[in-house]
Amino acid sequence: MKSLTLCFSFLLLCHASLSAAEKPIVLWSNGAPGALGTTAKDIPTLTPYVPAKAGGAAMLLIPGGSYSGIYEGQAEPFALWLNEQGITAFVLRYRLGSAGYRYPAQLQDAVEAMRQIRGNADKWKIDAKRIGVMGFSAGGHLTSTLINRPEDGEIDGRSSSVSPRPDLAILCYPVISMITKPHATSRKMLIGDKPSDELVRQTSSELQVRPGLPPCFLWHTAEDKMVPVEHSQLYAAALHQNGVPHELHLYQHGDHGTGLIGTQHPWFADLLHWLKAQKWISEH
């Protein structure tokens, strides 16, 4: 009976999303830099989800999919969940390695998304100093590169005074390292079959942490067979070494992709507790 109730609740969320999502915004009005074509896979978008009672905070939501696809279960359902917390959400559908795009194309899309969100803070009625990013799996890797090395996503000859760096980051069972127990598909889709040693290090996020990064919340499961728990541990260790405020939650049970909307998992409550501590959402 409980599983039926959860499924029904999930269907209600999906139904509600029909009116919750606004029209997707094309990120690059004149075409993405280095676009390989003009089909949907070459046109990254940003889809806003505005809560009925907005608290002023916003979140760029980056789904995973091994850089070869977009896993929709980590997109709209979580945007609606964030809306329930009073957080305005923006789902990024970025260019993929399966369509021929390599690093830093995906980061260019994330940087542009952050600039559009922050640059239009008044329009969205959000606080320009409370814009976070939340990524899952390979989306967690893109999240880490966005906070570590946003400069890699800058376009030559284009300048902007709007910062693309988020004010906090949430990394859910993230891909982090291209060196230690790398996730083969994500690595291939992002940097190809024969990347240079420099590119491997550049995209291994545990090697790119520096002091002054925004606060981070990480979580992973010890039973993850796809992206080993060492990825989050390596990143957390680098954050600690560089004095970056962070919180790491390691759960004993659960395979990769656990804790989706419609399931019961302690990470939801742990994240809300952390967001309240960051003054991102109210206590009530």
Protein backbone atom coordinates (compact mmCIF):
# COMPACT_ATOMS: atom_id res chain seq x y z
CA MET A 1 0.00 0.00 0.00
CA LYS A 2 2.86 2.39 0.87
CA SER A 3 4.47 1.83 -2.55
CA LEU A 4 1.17 2.54 -4.27
CA THR A 5 0.81 5.76 -2.29
CA LEU A 6 4.33 6.83 -3.24
CA CYS A 7 3.68 6.08 -6.91
CA PHE A 8 0.44 8.02 -6.78
CA SER A 9 2.17 10.98 -5.15
CA PHE A 10 4.83 10.88 -7.86
CA LEU A 11 2.14 10.90 -10.58
CA LEU A 12 0.53 13.90 -8.93
CA LEU A 13 3.86 15.70 -8.96
CA CYS A 14 4.29 14.94 -12.65
CA HIS A 15 0.77 16.16 -13.37
CA ALA A 16 1.38 19.36 -11.41
CA SER A 17 4.50 19.98 -13.46
CA LEU A 18 2.40 20.57 -16.57
CA SER A 19 1.59 24.02 -15.24
CA ALA A 20 4.69 24.53 -13.07
CA ALA A 21 7.32 24.54 -15.79
CA GLU A 22 7.74 27.66 -17.86
CA LYS A 23 8.77 27.63 -21.49
CA PRO A 24 12.40 26.47 -21.92
CA ILE A 25 14.85 29.27 -22.61
CA VAL A 26 17.33 28.74 -25.43
CA LEU A 27 20.70 29.47 -23.81
CA TRP A 28 22.46 30.77 -26.89
CA SER A 29 20.25 32.97 -29.07
CA ASN A 30 22.80 32.98 -31.89
CA GLY A 31 23.73 29.33 -31.58
CA ALA A 32 25.97 27.62 -29.05
CA PRO A 33 29.72 28.23 -29.44
CA GLY A 34 31.19 25.50 -31.62
CA ALA A 35 27.75 24.07 -32.40
CA LEU A 36 27.97 20.95 -34.57
CA GLY A 37 24.47 21.31 -35.99
CA THR A 38 21.05 22.88 -35.51
CA THR A 39 19.00 20.00 -34.13
CA ALA A 40 17.62 19.83 -30.58
CA LYS A 41 20.79 18.10 -29.33
CA ASP A 42 22.81 21.15 -30.39
CA ILE A 43 20.57 23.63 -28.58
CA PRO A 44 21.00 23.67 -24.78
CA THR A 45 18.07 25.04 -22.78
CA LEU A 46 17.19 26.31 -19.34
CA THR A 47 13.70 25.55 -17.98
CA PRO A 48 12.45 27.71 -15.08
CA TYR A 49 10.21 26.38 -12.31
CA VAL A 50 8.79 29.15 -10.11
CA PRO A 51 7.26 28.20 -6.75
CA ALA A 52 3.92 29.54 -5.60
CA LYS A 53 5.62 30.97 -2.52
CA ALA A 54 9.17 31.93 -3.46
CA GLY A 55 11.69 32.49 -0.69
CA GLY A 56 14.22 34.32 -2.86
CA ALA A 57 16.74 31.49 -3.29
CA ALA A 58 17.35 29.78 -6.63
CA MET A 59 18.98 26.55 -7.77
CA LEU A 60 20.48 25.56 -11.11
CA LEU A 61 19.59 21.88 -11.44
CA ILE A 62 21.96 19.69 -13.50
CA PRO A 63 20.76 16.12 -14.17
CA GLY A 64 23.17 13.28 -14.79
CA GLY A 65 23.36 10.75 -17.58
CA SER A 66 27.06 9.91 -18.03
CA TYR A 67 27.49 12.93 -20.33
CA SER A 68 25.74 10.79 -22.93
CA GLY A 69 22.14 11.64 -22.07
CA ILE A 70 19.93 13.61 -19.69
CA TYR A 71 18.32 11.50 -16.98
CA GLU A 72 14.93 13.14 -16.63
CA GLY A 73 14.26 11.54 -13.24
CA GLN A 74 16.82 13.98 -11.85
CA ALA A 75 15.29 16.97 -13.63
CA GLU A 76 11.66 18.01 -13.29
CA PRO A 77 10.77 15.89 -10.22
CA PHE A 78 13.53 17.59 -8.24
CA ALA A 79 12.66 21.02 -9.64
CA LEU A 80 9.17 20.55 -8.21
CA TRP A 81 10.59 19.32 -4.90
CA LEU A 82 12.77 22.43 -4.70
CA ASN A 83 9.69 24.53 -5.45
CA GLU A 84 8.02 22.95 -2.43
CA GLN A 85 10.89 24.35 -0.34
CA GLY A 86 10.32 27.84 -1.78
CA ILE A 87 13.34 27.61 -4.09
CA THR A 88 13.08 28.75 -7.70
CA ALA A 89 14.60 26.02 -9.88
CA PHE A 90 16.16 26.08 -13.34
CA VAL A 91 16.76 22.78 -15.14
CA LEU A 92 19.77 22.80 -17.46
CA ARG A 93 19.76 20.51 -20.48
CA TYR A 94 23.31 20.80 -21.72
CA ARG A 95 25.23 19.58 -24.75
CA LEU A 96 26.39 15.97 -24.58
CA GLY A 97 29.38 13.87 -25.49
CA SER A 98 27.10 11.47 -27.36
CA ALA A 99 26.39 14.35 -29.77
CA GLY A 100 30.11 14.97 -30.28
CA TYR A 101 30.66 17.70 -27.67
CA ARG A 102 33.73 17.52 -25.48
CA TYR A 103 34.97 19.58 -22.55
CA PRO A 104 34.44 22.48 -22.05
CA ALA A 105 31.22 22.68 -24.10
CA GLN A 106 29.14 21.41 -21.19
CA LEU A 107 30.77 23.91 -18.83
CA GLN A 108 30.13 26.73 -21.30
CA ASP A 109 26.42 25.89 -21.05
CA ALA A 110 26.52 25.83 -17.24
CA VAL A 111 28.39 29.15 -17.08
CA GLU A 112 25.92 30.77 -19.45
CA ALA A 113 22.99 29.36 -17.45
CA MET A 114 24.34 30.84 -14.22
CA ARG A 115 24.88 34.21 -15.88
CA GLN A 116 21.35 34.27 -17.24
CA ILE A 117 19.86 33.36 -13.87
CA ARG A 118 21.91 35.89 -11.90
CA GLY A 119 21.67 38.57 -14.59
CA ASN A 120 17.87 38.32 -14.50
CA ALA A 121 17.50 38.02 -10.73
CA ASP A 122 15.06 40.93 -10.60
CA LYS A 123 12.89 39.37 -13.27
CA TRP A 124 12.72 36.08 -11.39
CA LYS A 125 12.39 37.84 -8.01
CA ILE A 126 15.39 36.01 -6.59
CA ASP A 127 18.39 37.07 -4.52
CA ALA A 128 21.45 37.35 -6.78
CA LYS A 129 23.58 36.24 -3.81
CA ARG A 130 21.55 33.09 -3.16
CA ILE A 131 21.88 31.12 -6.38
CA GLY A 132 23.11 27.57 -5.93
CA VAL A 133 23.74 24.56 -8.14
CA MET A 134 22.66 20.96 -7.62
CA GLY A 135 23.99 18.10 -9.74
CA PHE A 136 23.61 14.33 -9.88
CA SER A 137 26.24 11.81 -11.02
CA ALA A 138 27.83 13.27 -14.18
CA GLY A 139 25.79 16.38 -13.43
CA GLY A 140 27.64 16.41 -10.12
CA HIS A 141 30.89 16.51 -12.06
CA LEU A 142 29.64 19.44 -14.10
CA THR A 143 28.63 21.07 -10.82
CA SER A 144 32.14 20.62 -9.43
CA THR A 145 33.78 22.07 -12.55
CA LEU A 146 31.38 25.02 -12.40
CA ILE A 147 32.52 25.92 -8.89
CA ASN A 148 36.18 24.91 -9.44
CA ARG A 149 37.00 26.26 -12.88
CA PRO A 150 34.22 28.46 -14.32
CA GLU A 151 36.91 30.26 -16.30
CA ASP A 152 37.21 27.18 -18.53
CA GLY A 153 33.65 27.87 -19.69
CA GLU A 154 34.34 31.45 -20.76
CA ILE A 155 33.98 32.30 -24.45
CA ASP A 156 36.91 34.07 -26.11
CA GLY A 157 36.17 37.71 -26.79
CA ARG A 158 33.07 37.79 -24.63
CA SER A 159 33.10 39.65 -21.34
CA SER A 160 30.53 39.93 -18.56
CA SER A 161 30.48 41.50 -15.12
CA VAL A 162 27.99 38.86 -13.92
CA SER A 163 29.71 36.12 -11.93
CA PRO A 164 28.95 32.54 -13.03
CA ARG A 165 30.10 30.97 -9.75
CA PRO A 166 27.26 29.58 -7.59
CA ASP A 167 26.83 30.61 -3.96
CA LEU A 168 26.58 27.00 -2.79
CA ALA A 169 26.73 23.54 -4.35
CA ILE A 170 24.96 20.22 -3.81
CA LEU A 171 26.67 17.16 -5.28
CA CYS A 172 24.66 13.93 -5.32
CA TYR A 173 26.76 10.77 -5.86
CA PRO A 174 28.98 12.82 -8.17
CA VAL A 175 31.52 11.75 -10.73
CA ILE A 176 34.65 13.56 -9.58
CA SER A 177 37.91 11.94 -10.67
CA MET A 178 39.12 11.03 -14.16
CA ILE A 179 42.11 9.31 -12.53
CA THR A 180 40.97 7.34 -9.48
CA LYS A 181 38.35 4.69 -10.31
CA PRO A 182 36.95 6.84 -13.13
CA HIS A 183 33.48 6.27 -14.52
CA ALA A 184 34.41 5.03 -17.98
CA THR A 185 31.43 6.35 -19.94
CA SER A 186 31.50 9.80 -18.37
CA ARG A 187 35.23 10.08 -18.99
CA LYS A 188 34.96 9.01 -22.62
CA MET A 189 31.98 11.27 -23.34
CA LEU A 190 33.65 14.28 -21.70
CA ILE A 191 37.30 14.09 -22.74
CA GLY A 192 37.45 11.37 -25.39
CA ASP A 193 39.44 8.15 -25.77
CA LYS A 194 42.93 9.64 -25.71
CA PRO A 195 42.95 12.78 -23.58
CA SER A 196 46.20 14.49 -22.70
CA ASP A 197 47.52 14.13 -19.17
CA GLU A 198 46.88 17.84 -18.69
CA LEU A 199 43.20 17.49 -19.66
CA VAL A 200 42.76 14.47 -17.38
CA ARG A 201 44.09 16.47 -14.44
CA GLN A 202 42.10 19.55 -15.43
CA THR A 203 38.84 17.57 -15.35
CA SER A 204 39.66 15.62 -12.18
CA SER A 205 37.83 17.89 -9.78
CA GLU A 206 39.61 16.71 -6.64
CA LEU A 207 42.78 18.29 -8.08
CA GLN A 208 41.14 21.63 -8.90
CA VAL A 209 39.78 22.72 -5.52
CA ARG A 210 41.05 26.03 -4.21
CA PRO A 211 40.37 28.19 -1.15
CA GLY A 212 37.34 30.45 -1.35
CA LEU A 213 34.93 28.07 -3.06
CA PRO A 214 31.27 28.17 -1.99
CA PRO A 215 29.91 25.81 0.70
CA CYS A 216 29.25 22.28 -0.55
CA PHE A 217 26.92 19.44 0.44
CA LEU A 218 27.95 15.99 -0.82
CA TRP A 219 26.35 12.61 -0.43
CA HIS A 220 27.08 9.12 -1.71
CA THR A 221 26.37 5.47 -0.88
CA ALA A 222 29.00 2.89 -0.03
CA GLU A 223 27.27 0.32 -2.25
CA ASP A 224 27.44 2.48 -5.38
CA LYS A 225 28.81 0.18 -8.09
CA MET A 226 28.74 2.69 -10.93
CA VAL A 227 30.48 5.70 -9.39
CA PRO A 228 32.51 4.51 -6.38
CA VAL A 229 32.14 6.33 -3.08
CA GLU A 230 35.81 7.34 -3.31
CA HIS A 231 34.76 10.10 -5.71
CA SER A 232 32.92 12.03 -2.99
CA GLN A 233 35.57 11.17 -0.43
CA LEU A 234 38.33 12.57 -2.63
CA TYR A 235 36.43 15.78 -3.24
CA ALA A 236 35.54 16.23 0.42
CA ALA A 237 39.18 15.71 1.39
CA ALA A 238 40.24 18.40 -1.08
CA LEU A 239 37.59 20.77 0.27
CA HIS A 240 38.84 20.14 3.81
CA GLN A 241 42.45 20.70 2.82
CA ASN A 242 41.55 24.04 1.25
CA GLY A 243 39.33 25.23 4.07
CA VAL A 244 36.11 25.16 2.05
CA PRO A 245 32.97 24.75 4.21
CA HIS A 246 31.31 21.44 3.40
CA GLU A 247 29.24 18.57 4.68
CA LEU A 248 29.70 14.96 3.54
CA HIS A 249 27.06 12.25 4.08
CA LEU A 250 27.96 8.63 3.35
CA TYR A 251 25.12 6.15 3.56
CA GLN A 252 25.78 2.45 3.93
CA HIS A 253 23.10 1.09 1.61
CA GLY A 254 21.88 1.99 -1.86
CA ASP A 255 23.19 1.61 -5.38
CA HIS A 256 23.87 4.42 -7.84
CA GLY A 257 20.88 6.70 -8.33
CA THR A 258 19.21 5.89 -5.05
CA GLY A 259 17.12 8.50 -3.25
CA LEU A 260 15.00 9.70 -6.18
CA ILE A 261 11.72 11.55 -5.75
CA GLY A 262 9.04 9.07 -4.72
CA THR A 263 11.36 7.13 -2.41
CA GLN A 264 12.18 7.52 1.25
CA HIS A 265 15.78 8.36 2.06
CA PRO A 266 17.42 10.35 4.86
CA TRP A 267 19.36 12.55 2.45
CA PHE A 268 16.30 14.73 1.86
CA ALA A 269 16.09 15.67 5.55
CA ASP A 270 19.87 16.02 5.83
CA LEU A 271 19.94 18.42 2.88
CA LEU A 272 17.08 20.51 4.24
CA HIS A 273 18.84 20.75 7.60
CA TRP A 274 21.99 21.98 5.83
CA LEU A 275 20.08 24.47 3.65
CA LYS A 276 18.48 25.95 6.75
CA ALA A 277 21.91 26.31 8.32
CA GLN A 278 23.05 28.17 5.20
CA LYS A 279 20.04 30.51 5.53
CA TRP A 280 18.84 29.25 2.18
CA ILE A 281 15.40 28.29 3.38
CA SER A 282 13.49 29.34 6.46
CA GLU A 283 13.10 27.27 9.60
CA HIS A 284 9.34 27.24 9.19
